Amino acid sequence: MLVASLIGRLLFAVWRSRRREAIYWSSRATGLPVDDPRTVTTARRSMVNFARFTMDFVDSVMVSHRDLNRLRMRKLDNKEVLEDAAKDGRGRLLISAHLGNWETLGAWISLLKQKLHVVVLPLPGRSLDRLASEVREHAGFNLIDTDGAATYIIRALRSGEWVAILADRPVGERGELVEFLGERARHPIGAVKLAKRVGVPVIVGGCWSVGTDGYEGRIFDPLETDDPEVPAEEIMVMAMQQLESLVTKNPDQWYIAFTSDPVED
């Protein structure tokens, strides 16, 4: 972890495009100007934390997902929402963000004996993508590629299985305009529309590092989708508001800057 921290600091110093992008998103998360020293500090910490998370992610290959949960997830507020959901046989759409160690949260969920599908983007580089797939499968995830994902998502939800997506990254024309951190951008609403079609609840949550003590997290109460008077767009807005509350609480553990295209000058 010390080496990872040093690498994160070095990258922040020399990787100009990513530094600029990290500062931009940190400004969004903190509500401070991009030239505020506190914004720059948050951005630097975010890059260091991302490097540490990457090391933690790779290290999880060596630990069974049951031990990983026992050692790393210290506290999960409102976890009863997930525990109760695992008993009723209905599918669930789970929404989280590139915050803390979202892979650890997924590993904890997999311990509920519930089949969990995760929608993933391919990573750059065949070796890196293969490693990421191995780690996720080791943790008990079934992976869904974004290409043709709708068919797999609706099949899983109808079968009483769970599907997880990360919704904090703008997706261009494929998404719905939603206000998030003070600006309107298009976020992935397709999965929410599928959840509403099937009539399964949407559950938002996330987890974050608490230093050497592991991770803590929060699960929100379910957003029901079976009310015909409540459109999918409104459910998406509520979900993004919940995600925003997690991001603003932990702005230096939000890593969207390292998962999207660089911000142009």
C-alpha atoms as a PDB file:
ATOM      1  CA  MET A   1       0.000   0.000   0.000  1.00  0.00           C
ATOM      2  CA  LEU A   2       2.919   2.341   0.658  1.00  0.00           C
ATOM      3  CA  VAL A   3       4.249   1.663  -2.837  1.00  0.00           C
ATOM      4  CA  ALA A   4       0.764   2.214  -4.287  1.00  0.00           C
ATOM      5  CA  SER A   5       0.512   5.556  -2.469  1.00  0.00           C
ATOM      6  CA  LEU A   6       3.868   6.669  -3.859  1.00  0.00           C
ATOM      7  CA  ILE A   7       2.829   5.637  -7.382  1.00  0.00           C
ATOM      8  CA  GLY A   8      -0.424   7.614  -7.016  1.00  0.00           C
ATOM      9  CA  ARG A   9       1.496  10.732  -5.982  1.00  0.00           C
ATOM     10  CA  LEU A  10       3.938  10.303  -8.849  1.00  0.00           C
ATOM     11  CA  LEU A  11       1.149   9.896 -11.396  1.00  0.00           C
ATOM     12  CA  PHE A  12      -0.582  13.009 -10.109  1.00  0.00           C
ATOM     13  CA  ALA A  13       2.659  14.945 -10.554  1.00  0.00           C
ATOM     14  CA  VAL A  14       3.524  13.783 -14.087  1.00  0.00           C
ATOM     15  CA  TRP A  15       0.240  12.746 -15.783  1.00  0.00           C
ATOM     16  CA  ARG A  16      -1.074  16.166 -16.760  1.00  0.00           C
ATOM     17  CA  SER A  17      -4.291  15.118 -18.510  1.00  0.00           C
ATOM     18  CA  ARG A  18      -5.435  12.905 -15.649  1.00  0.00           C
ATOM     19  CA  ARG A  19      -4.403  15.483 -13.065  1.00  0.00           C
ATOM     20  CA  ARG A  20      -6.506  18.078 -14.847  1.00  0.00           C
ATOM     21  CA  GLU A  21      -9.420  15.667 -15.014  1.00  0.00           C
ATOM     22  CA  ALA A  22      -9.081  14.661 -11.350  1.00  0.00           C
ATOM     23  CA  ILE A  23      -9.116  18.321 -10.318  1.00  0.00           C
ATOM     24  CA  TYR A  24     -12.222  18.967 -12.442  1.00  0.00           C
ATOM     25  CA  TRP A  25     -14.195  16.085 -10.904  1.00  0.00           C
ATOM     26  CA  SER A  26     -12.952  16.900  -7.402  1.00  0.00           C
ATOM     27  CA  SER A  27     -14.283  20.411  -7.906  1.00  0.00           C
ATOM     28  CA  ARG A  28     -17.662  18.887  -8.792  1.00  0.00           C
ATOM     29  CA  ALA A  29     -17.597  16.645  -5.725  1.00  0.00           C
ATOM     30  CA  THR A  30     -16.518  19.314  -3.240  1.00  0.00           C
ATOM     31  CA  GLY A  31     -18.381  22.288  -4.707  1.00  0.00           C
ATOM     32  CA  LEU A  32     -15.133  24.298  -4.657  1.00  0.00           C
ATOM     33  CA  PRO A  33     -13.459  26.135  -7.584  1.00  0.00           C
ATOM     34  CA  VAL A  34     -10.911  24.158  -9.590  1.00  0.00           C
ATOM     35  CA  ASP A  35      -8.123  26.511  -8.502  1.00  0.00           C
ATOM     36  CA  ASP A  36      -8.920  26.164  -4.795  1.00  0.00           C
ATOM     37  CA  PRO A  37      -6.001  24.460  -2.980  1.00  0.00           C
ATOM     38  CA  ARG A  38      -8.502  22.172  -1.218  1.00  0.00           C
ATOM     39  CA  THR A  39      -9.733  20.943  -4.600  1.00  0.00           C
ATOM     40  CA  VAL A  40      -6.198  20.101  -5.704  1.00  0.00           C
ATOM     41  CA  THR A  41      -5.544  18.298  -2.410  1.00  0.00           C
ATOM     42  CA  THR A  42      -8.725  16.266  -2.821  1.00  0.00           C
ATOM     43  CA  ALA A  43      -7.745  15.365  -6.387  1.00  0.00           C
ATOM     44  CA  ARG A  44      -4.293  14.229  -5.276  1.00  0.00           C
ATOM     45  CA  ARG A  45      -5.784  12.103  -2.512  1.00  0.00           C
ATOM     46  CA  SER A  46      -8.237  10.638  -5.002  1.00  0.00           C
ATOM     47  CA  MET A  47      -5.429   9.488  -7.289  1.00  0.00           C
ATOM     48  CA  VAL A  48      -3.506   8.043  -4.332  1.00  0.00           C
ATOM     49  CA  ASN A  49      -6.612   6.255  -3.084  1.00  0.00           C
ATOM     50  CA  PHE A  50      -7.302   4.891  -6.558  1.00  0.00           C
ATOM     51  CA  ALA A  51      -3.784   3.451  -6.713  1.00  0.00           C
ATOM     52  CA  ARG A  52      -4.330   1.878  -3.290  1.00  0.00           C
ATOM     53  CA  PHE A  53      -7.691   0.468  -4.361  1.00  0.00           C
ATOM     54  CA  THR A  54      -6.093  -1.024  -7.480  1.00  0.00           C
ATOM     55  CA  MET A  55      -3.550  -2.822  -5.280  1.00  0.00           C
ATOM     56  CA  ASP A  56      -6.351  -4.008  -3.004  1.00  0.00           C
ATOM     57  CA  PHE A  57      -8.312  -5.185  -6.050  1.00  0.00           C
ATOM     58  CA  VAL A  58      -5.424  -7.306  -7.352  1.00  0.00           C
ATOM     59  CA  ASP A  59      -4.640  -8.607  -3.855  1.00  0.00           C
ATOM     60  CA  SER A  60      -8.182  -9.937  -3.539  1.00  0.00           C
ATOM     61  CA  VAL A  61      -7.255 -12.658  -6.052  1.00  0.00           C
ATOM     62  CA  MET A  62      -5.298 -14.265  -3.213  1.00  0.00           C
ATOM     63  CA  VAL A  63      -8.110 -14.146  -0.631  1.00  0.00           C
ATOM     64  CA  SER A  64     -11.340 -16.124  -0.704  1.00  0.00           C
ATOM     65  CA  HIS A  65     -14.340 -13.808  -1.014  1.00  0.00           C
ATOM     66  CA  ARG A  66     -15.652 -14.986   2.363  1.00  0.00           C
ATOM     67  CA  ASP A  67     -12.415 -14.045   4.110  1.00  0.00           C
ATOM     68  CA  LEU A  68     -12.255 -10.817   2.120  1.00  0.00           C
ATOM     69  CA  ASN A  69     -15.654  -9.814   3.469  1.00  0.00           C
ATOM     70  CA  ARG A  70     -14.765 -10.796   7.015  1.00  0.00           C
ATOM     71  CA  LEU A  71     -11.483  -8.891   6.977  1.00  0.00           C
ATOM     72  CA  ARG A  72     -12.429  -5.762   5.054  1.00  0.00           C
ATOM     73  CA  MET A  73     -16.112  -4.865   5.398  1.00  0.00           C
ATOM     74  CA  ARG A  74     -16.254  -3.493   8.936  1.00  0.00           C
ATOM     75  CA  LYS A  75     -19.697  -1.884   8.887  1.00  0.00           C
ATOM     76  CA  LEU A  76     -22.570  -1.721   6.418  1.00  0.00           C
ATOM     77  CA  ASP A  77     -25.433   0.543   7.472  1.00  0.00           C
ATOM     78  CA  ASN A  78     -28.923  -0.676   6.584  1.00  0.00           C
ATOM     79  CA  LYS A  79     -27.588  -4.021   5.358  1.00  0.00           C
ATOM     80  CA  GLU A  80     -30.952  -5.521   6.349  1.00  0.00           C
ATOM     81  CA  VAL A  81     -32.324  -4.162   3.068  1.00  0.00           C
ATOM     82  CA  LEU A  82     -30.128  -6.603   1.148  1.00  0.00           C
ATOM     83  CA  GLU A  83     -30.562  -9.447   3.612  1.00  0.00           C
ATOM     84  CA  ASP A  84     -34.360  -9.166   3.435  1.00  0.00           C
ATOM     85  CA  ALA A  85     -34.269  -8.840  -0.346  1.00  0.00           C
ATOM     86  CA  ALA A  86     -32.352 -12.117  -0.610  1.00  0.00           C
ATOM     87  CA  LYS A  87     -35.290 -13.927   1.016  1.00  0.00           C
ATOM     88  CA  ASP A  88     -38.218 -12.896  -1.200  1.00  0.00           C
ATOM     89  CA  GLY A  89     -37.092 -14.373  -4.528  1.00  0.00           C
ATOM     90  CA  ARG A  90     -37.491 -11.214  -6.609  1.00  0.00           C
ATOM     91  CA  GLY A  91     -34.759  -9.709  -8.721  1.00  0.00           C
ATOM     92  CA  ARG A  92     -33.078  -6.457  -7.769  1.00  0.00           C
ATOM     93  CA  LEU A  93     -31.242  -3.717  -9.652  1.00  0.00           C
ATOM     94  CA  LEU A  94     -28.306  -2.509  -7.564  1.00  0.00           C
ATOM     95  CA  ILE A  95     -26.779   0.883  -8.325  1.00  0.00           C
ATOM     96  CA  SER A  96     -23.454   2.139  -7.007  1.00  0.00           C
ATOM     97  CA  ALA A  97     -20.604   4.474  -7.968  1.00  0.00           C
ATOM     98  CA  HIS A  98     -16.844   4.412  -8.605  1.00  0.00           C
ATOM     99  CA  LEU A  99     -16.406   5.069  -4.892  1.00  0.00           C
ATOM    100  CA  GLY A 100     -14.095   3.408  -2.380  1.00  0.00           C
ATOM    101  CA  ASN A 101     -13.864  -0.305  -3.122  1.00  0.00           C
ATOM    102  CA  TRP A 102     -17.088  -1.140  -4.923  1.00  0.00           C
ATOM    103  CA  GLU A 103     -15.690  -4.606  -5.634  1.00  0.00           C
ATOM    104  CA  THR A 104     -15.625  -5.361  -1.899  1.00  0.00           C
ATOM    105  CA  LEU A 105     -19.271  -4.347  -1.615  1.00  0.00           C
ATOM    106  CA  GLY A 106     -20.090  -6.724  -4.447  1.00  0.00           C
ATOM    107  CA  ALA A 107     -18.141  -9.504  -2.711  1.00  0.00           C
ATOM    108  CA  TRP A 108     -20.180  -8.938   0.462  1.00  0.00           C
ATOM    109  CA  ILE A 109     -23.414  -9.153  -1.533  1.00  0.00           C
ATOM    110  CA  SER A 110     -22.317 -12.415  -3.135  1.00  0.00           C
ATOM    111  CA  LEU A 111     -22.224 -13.982   0.343  1.00  0.00           C
ATOM    112  CA  LEU A 112     -26.022 -13.707   0.515  1.00  0.00           C
ATOM    113  CA  LYS A 113     -26.283 -16.767  -1.745  1.00  0.00           C
ATOM    114  CA  GLN A 114     -27.877 -14.531  -4.373  1.00  0.00           C
ATOM    115  CA  LYS A 115     -26.734 -14.765  -7.983  1.00  0.00           C
ATOM    116  CA  LEU A 116     -25.193 -11.395  -8.842  1.00  0.00           C
ATOM    117  CA  HIS A 117     -24.568 -10.117 -12.375  1.00  0.00           C
ATOM    118  CA  VAL A 118     -22.333  -7.072 -12.862  1.00  0.00           C
ATOM    119  CA  VAL A 119     -22.409  -4.916 -15.993  1.00  0.00           C
ATOM    120  CA  VAL A 120     -18.798  -4.099 -16.885  1.00  0.00           C
ATOM    121  CA  LEU A 121     -16.900  -2.106 -19.467  1.00  0.00           C
ATOM    122  CA  PRO A 122     -13.872  -3.834 -20.998  1.00  0.00           C
ATOM    123  CA  LEU A 123     -10.602  -2.447 -19.646  1.00  0.00           C
ATOM    124  CA  PRO A 124      -7.824  -1.241 -21.960  1.00  0.00           C
ATOM    125  CA  GLY A 125      -5.379  -4.031 -22.628  1.00  0.00           C
ATOM    126  CA  ARG A 126      -6.272  -7.695 -22.963  1.00  0.00           C
ATOM    127  CA  SER A 127      -4.152  -8.810 -19.989  1.00  0.00           C
ATOM    128  CA  LEU A 128      -5.592  -6.174 -17.648  1.00  0.00           C
ATOM    129  CA  ASP A 129      -9.137  -6.983 -18.727  1.00  0.00           C
ATOM    130  CA  ARG A 130      -8.522 -10.717 -18.208  1.00  0.00           C
ATOM    131  CA  LEU A 131      -7.112 -10.080 -14.712  1.00  0.00           C
ATOM    132  CA  ALA A 132     -10.119  -7.931 -13.773  1.00  0.00           C
ATOM    133  CA  SER A 133     -12.489 -10.637 -14.987  1.00  0.00           C
ATOM    134  CA  GLU A 134     -10.672 -13.288 -12.948  1.00  0.00           C
ATOM    135  CA  VAL A 135     -10.867 -11.169  -9.786  1.00  0.00           C
ATOM    136  CA  ARG A 136     -14.571 -10.503 -10.232  1.00  0.00           C
ATOM    137  CA  GLU A 137     -15.407 -14.106 -10.989  1.00  0.00           C
ATOM    138  CA  HIS A 138     -13.349 -15.140  -7.949  1.00  0.00           C
ATOM    139  CA  ALA A 139     -15.554 -12.837  -5.860  1.00  0.00           C
ATOM    140  CA  GLY A 140     -18.669 -14.597  -7.144  1.00  0.00           C
ATOM    141  CA  PHE A 141     -19.797 -12.179  -9.876  1.00  0.00           C
ATOM    142  CA  ASN A 142     -21.275 -13.104 -13.241  1.00  0.00           C
ATOM    143  CA  LEU A 143     -20.110 -10.537 -15.792  1.00  0.00           C
ATOM    144  CA  ILE A 144     -22.340  -8.833 -18.366  1.00  0.00           C
ATOM    145  CA  ASP A 145     -20.666  -6.972 -21.219  1.00  0.00           C
ATOM    146  CA  THR A 146     -22.233  -3.653 -22.117  1.00  0.00           C
ATOM    147  CA  ASP A 147     -22.819  -4.852 -25.688  1.00  0.00           C
ATOM    148  CA  GLY A 148     -26.251  -6.454 -25.774  1.00  0.00           C
ATOM    149  CA  ALA A 149     -26.599  -6.065 -22.008  1.00  0.00           C
ATOM    150  CA  ALA A 150     -30.342  -5.350 -22.068  1.00  0.00           C
ATOM    151  CA  THR A 151     -31.280  -8.915 -23.006  1.00  0.00           C
ATOM    152  CA  TYR A 152     -29.154 -10.402 -20.219  1.00  0.00           C
ATOM    153  CA  ILE A 153     -30.331  -7.859 -17.630  1.00  0.00           C
ATOM    154  CA  ILE A 154     -34.030  -8.432 -18.189  1.00  0.00           C
ATOM    155  CA  ARG A 155     -33.552 -12.213 -18.254  1.00  0.00           C
ATOM    156  CA  ALA A 156     -31.669 -12.103 -14.939  1.00  0.00           C
ATOM    157  CA  LEU A 157     -34.200  -9.814 -13.248  1.00  0.00           C
ATOM    158  CA  ARG A 158     -37.121 -11.973 -14.362  1.00  0.00           C
ATOM    159  CA  SER A 159     -35.324 -15.033 -12.984  1.00  0.00           C
ATOM    160  CA  GLY A 160     -35.114 -13.457  -9.529  1.00  0.00           C
ATOM    161  CA  GLU A 161     -31.408 -12.660  -9.849  1.00  0.00           C
ATOM    162  CA  TRP A 162     -29.637  -9.392  -9.086  1.00  0.00           C
ATOM    163  CA  VAL A 163     -27.906  -7.021 -11.491  1.00  0.00           C
ATOM    164  CA  ALA A 164     -25.425  -4.311 -10.451  1.00  0.00           C
ATOM    165  CA  ILE A 165     -24.357  -1.212 -12.381  1.00  0.00           C
ATOM    166  CA  LEU A 166     -22.200   1.856 -11.700  1.00  0.00           C
ATOM    167  CA  ALA A 167     -24.234   4.906 -12.654  1.00  0.00           C
ATOM    168  CA  ASP A 168     -22.042   7.900 -11.791  1.00  0.00           C
ATOM    169  CA  ARG A 169     -20.208   8.007 -15.121  1.00  0.00           C
ATOM    170  CA  PRO A 170     -21.889  10.018 -17.931  1.00  0.00           C
ATOM    171  CA  VAL A 171     -22.637   7.815 -20.944  1.00  0.00           C
ATOM    172  CA  GLY A 172     -23.428  10.272 -23.724  1.00  0.00           C
ATOM    173  CA  GLU A 173     -26.534   9.935 -25.861  1.00  0.00           C
ATOM    174  CA  ARG A 174     -27.434   6.541 -24.381  1.00  0.00           C
ATOM    175  CA  GLY A 175     -28.404   8.060 -21.036  1.00  0.00           C
ATOM    176  CA  GLU A 176     -30.991  10.339 -19.499  1.00  0.00           C
ATOM    177  CA  LEU A 177     -30.285  13.946 -18.543  1.00  0.00           C
ATOM    178  CA  VAL A 178     -30.050  14.017 -14.752  1.00  0.00           C
ATOM    179  CA  GLU A 179     -28.618  16.636 -12.411  1.00  0.00           C
ATOM    180  CA  PHE A 180     -25.631  15.264 -10.548  1.00  0.00           C
ATOM    181  CA  LEU A 181     -23.200  17.330  -8.479  1.00  0.00           C
ATOM    182  CA  GLY A 182     -24.552  20.611  -9.766  1.00  0.00           C
ATOM    183  CA  GLU A 183     -24.615  19.828 -13.496  1.00  0.00           C
ATOM    184  CA  ARG A 184     -26.899  17.970 -15.874  1.00  0.00           C
ATOM    185  CA  ALA A 185     -25.408  15.058 -17.782  1.00  0.00           C
ATOM    186  CA  ARG A 186     -26.628  11.834 -19.354  1.00  0.00           C
ATOM    187  CA  HIS A 187     -26.444   8.871 -16.995  1.00  0.00           C
ATOM    188  CA  PRO A 188     -27.358   5.211 -17.692  1.00  0.00           C
ATOM    189  CA  ILE A 189     -31.123   4.923 -17.285  1.00  0.00           C
ATOM    190  CA  GLY A 190     -31.586   1.825 -19.454  1.00  0.00           C
ATOM    191  CA  ALA A 191     -31.220  -0.628 -16.563  1.00  0.00           C
ATOM    192  CA  VAL A 192     -33.714   1.362 -14.476  1.00  0.00           C
ATOM    193  CA  LYS A 193     -36.250   1.180 -17.298  1.00  0.00           C
ATOM    194  CA  LEU A 194     -35.748  -2.588 -17.468  1.00  0.00           C
ATOM    195  CA  ALA A 195     -36.204  -2.875 -13.697  1.00  0.00           C
ATOM    196  CA  LYS A 196     -39.452  -0.943 -13.974  1.00  0.00           C
ATOM    197  CA  ARG A 197     -40.633  -3.159 -16.839  1.00  0.00           C
ATOM    198  CA  VAL A 198     -40.065  -6.247 -14.701  1.00  0.00           C
ATOM    199  CA  GLY A 199     -41.337  -4.537 -11.545  1.00  0.00           C
ATOM    200  CA  VAL A 200     -38.305  -5.124  -9.323  1.00  0.00           C
ATOM    201  CA  PRO A 201     -36.939  -2.613  -6.782  1.00  0.00           C
ATOM    202  CA  VAL A 202     -33.840  -0.481  -7.283  1.00  0.00           C
ATOM    203  CA  ILE A 203     -31.345  -0.381  -4.404  1.00  0.00           C
ATOM    204  CA  VAL A 204     -28.536   2.187  -4.143  1.00  0.00           C
ATOM    205  CA  GLY A 205     -25.427   1.771  -1.984  1.00  0.00           C
ATOM    206  CA  GLY A 206     -21.698   2.225  -1.742  1.00  0.00           C
ATOM    207  CA  CYS A 207     -18.657   1.644   0.437  1.00  0.00           C
ATOM    208  CA  TRP A 208     -15.542   3.609   1.301  1.00  0.00           C
ATOM    209  CA  SER A 209     -12.187   3.065   2.965  1.00  0.00           C
ATOM    210  CA  VAL A 210     -11.703   3.796   6.650  1.00  0.00           C
ATOM    211  CA  GLY A 211      -7.932   3.488   6.487  1.00  0.00           C
ATOM    212  CA  THR A 212      -6.247   0.367   7.810  1.00  0.00           C
ATOM    213  CA  ASP A 213      -9.524  -0.664   9.454  1.00  0.00           C
ATOM    214  CA  GLY A 214     -11.026  -1.745   6.128  1.00  0.00           C
ATOM    215  CA  TYR A 215     -14.291  -0.455   4.654  1.00  0.00           C
ATOM    216  CA  GLU A 216     -17.646   0.877   5.732  1.00  0.00           C
ATOM    217  CA  GLY A 217     -20.750   1.265   3.594  1.00  0.00           C
ATOM    218  CA  ARG A 218     -24.337   2.415   3.342  1.00  0.00           C
ATOM    219  CA  ILE A 219     -27.379   0.829   1.715  1.00  0.00           C
ATOM    220  CA  PHE A 220     -30.435   3.007   1.046  1.00  0.00           C
ATOM    221  CA  ASP A 221     -34.036   1.906   1.343  1.00  0.00           C
ATOM    222  CA  PRO A 222     -35.395   0.363  -1.899  1.00  0.00           C
ATOM    223  CA  LEU A 223     -36.837   2.525  -4.653  1.00  0.00           C
ATOM    224  CA  GLU A 224     -39.981   0.701  -5.759  1.00  0.00           C
ATOM    225  CA  THR A 225     -40.730   0.588  -9.474  1.00  0.00           C
ATOM    226  CA  ASP A 226     -44.236  -0.911  -9.578  1.00  0.00           C
ATOM    227  CA  ASP A 227     -46.138   2.395  -9.270  1.00  0.00           C
ATOM    228  CA  PRO A 228     -47.309   3.351 -12.795  1.00  0.00           C
ATOM    229  CA  GLU A 229     -47.480   6.994 -11.712  1.00  0.00           C
ATOM    230  CA  VAL A 230     -43.732   7.088 -11.044  1.00  0.00           C
ATOM    231  CA  PRO A 231     -41.707   7.075 -14.294  1.00  0.00           C
ATOM    232  CA  ALA A 232     -38.261   5.534 -14.623  1.00  0.00           C
ATOM    233  CA  GLU A 233     -36.802   9.033 -15.006  1.00  0.00           C
ATOM    234  CA  GLU A 234     -37.995   9.995 -11.515  1.00  0.00           C
ATOM    235  CA  ILE A 235     -36.527   6.808 -10.033  1.00  0.00           C
ATOM    236  CA  MET A 236     -33.229   7.609 -11.749  1.00  0.00           C
ATOM    237  CA  VAL A 237     -33.224  11.109 -10.255  1.00  0.00           C
ATOM    238  CA  MET A 238     -33.746   9.701  -6.757  1.00  0.00           C
ATOM    239  CA  ALA A 239     -31.000   7.126  -7.274  1.00  0.00           C
ATOM    240  CA  MET A 240     -28.528   9.782  -8.421  1.00  0.00           C
ATOM    241  CA  GLN A 241     -29.381  11.961  -5.423  1.00  0.00           C
ATOM    242  CA  GLN A 242     -28.515   9.063  -3.146  1.00  0.00           C
ATOM    243  CA  LEU A 243     -25.246   8.461  -4.980  1.00  0.00           C
ATOM    244  CA  GLU A 244     -24.435  12.160  -4.744  1.00  0.00           C
ATOM    245  CA  SER A 245     -24.767  12.053  -0.957  1.00  0.00           C
ATOM    246  CA  LEU A 246     -22.150   9.274  -0.827  1.00  0.00           C
ATOM    247  CA  VAL A 247     -19.748  11.015  -3.205  1.00  0.00           C
ATOM    248  CA  THR A 248     -19.868  14.382  -1.423  1.00  0.00           C
ATOM    249  CA  LYS A 249     -19.225  12.627   1.889  1.00  0.00           C
ATOM    250  CA  ASN A 250     -16.101  10.927   0.494  1.00  0.00           C
ATOM    251  CA  PRO A 251     -14.867  13.118  -2.400  1.00  0.00           C
ATOM    252  CA  ASP A 252     -11.270  11.886  -2.171  1.00  0.00           C
ATOM    253  CA  GLN A 253     -12.435   8.305  -2.766  1.00  0.00           C
ATOM    254  CA  TRP A 254     -14.400   9.014  -5.924  1.00  0.00           C
ATOM    255  CA  TYR A 255     -12.543   7.704  -8.965  1.00  0.00           C
ATOM    256  CA  ILE A 256     -14.593   8.693 -12.000  1.00  0.00           C
ATOM    257  CA  ALA A 257     -11.631  10.783 -13.162  1.00  0.00           C
ATOM    258  CA  PHE A 258      -9.768   7.566 -13.936  1.00  0.00           C
ATOM    259  CA  THR A 259     -12.594   5.703 -15.676  1.00  0.00           C
ATOM    260  CA  SER A 260     -13.691   8.185 -18.338  1.00  0.00           C
ATOM    261  CA  ASP A 261     -12.225  10.118 -21.244  1.00  0.00           C
ATOM    262  CA  PRO A 262      -9.970  13.027 -20.284  1.00  0.00           C
ATOM    263  CA  VAL A 263     -11.602  16.417 -19.889  1.00  0.00           C
ATOM    264  CA  GLU A 264     -10.698  18.691 -22.768  1.00  0.00           C
ATOM    265  CA  ASP A 265      -9.239  22.149 -22.219  1.00  0.00           C
END
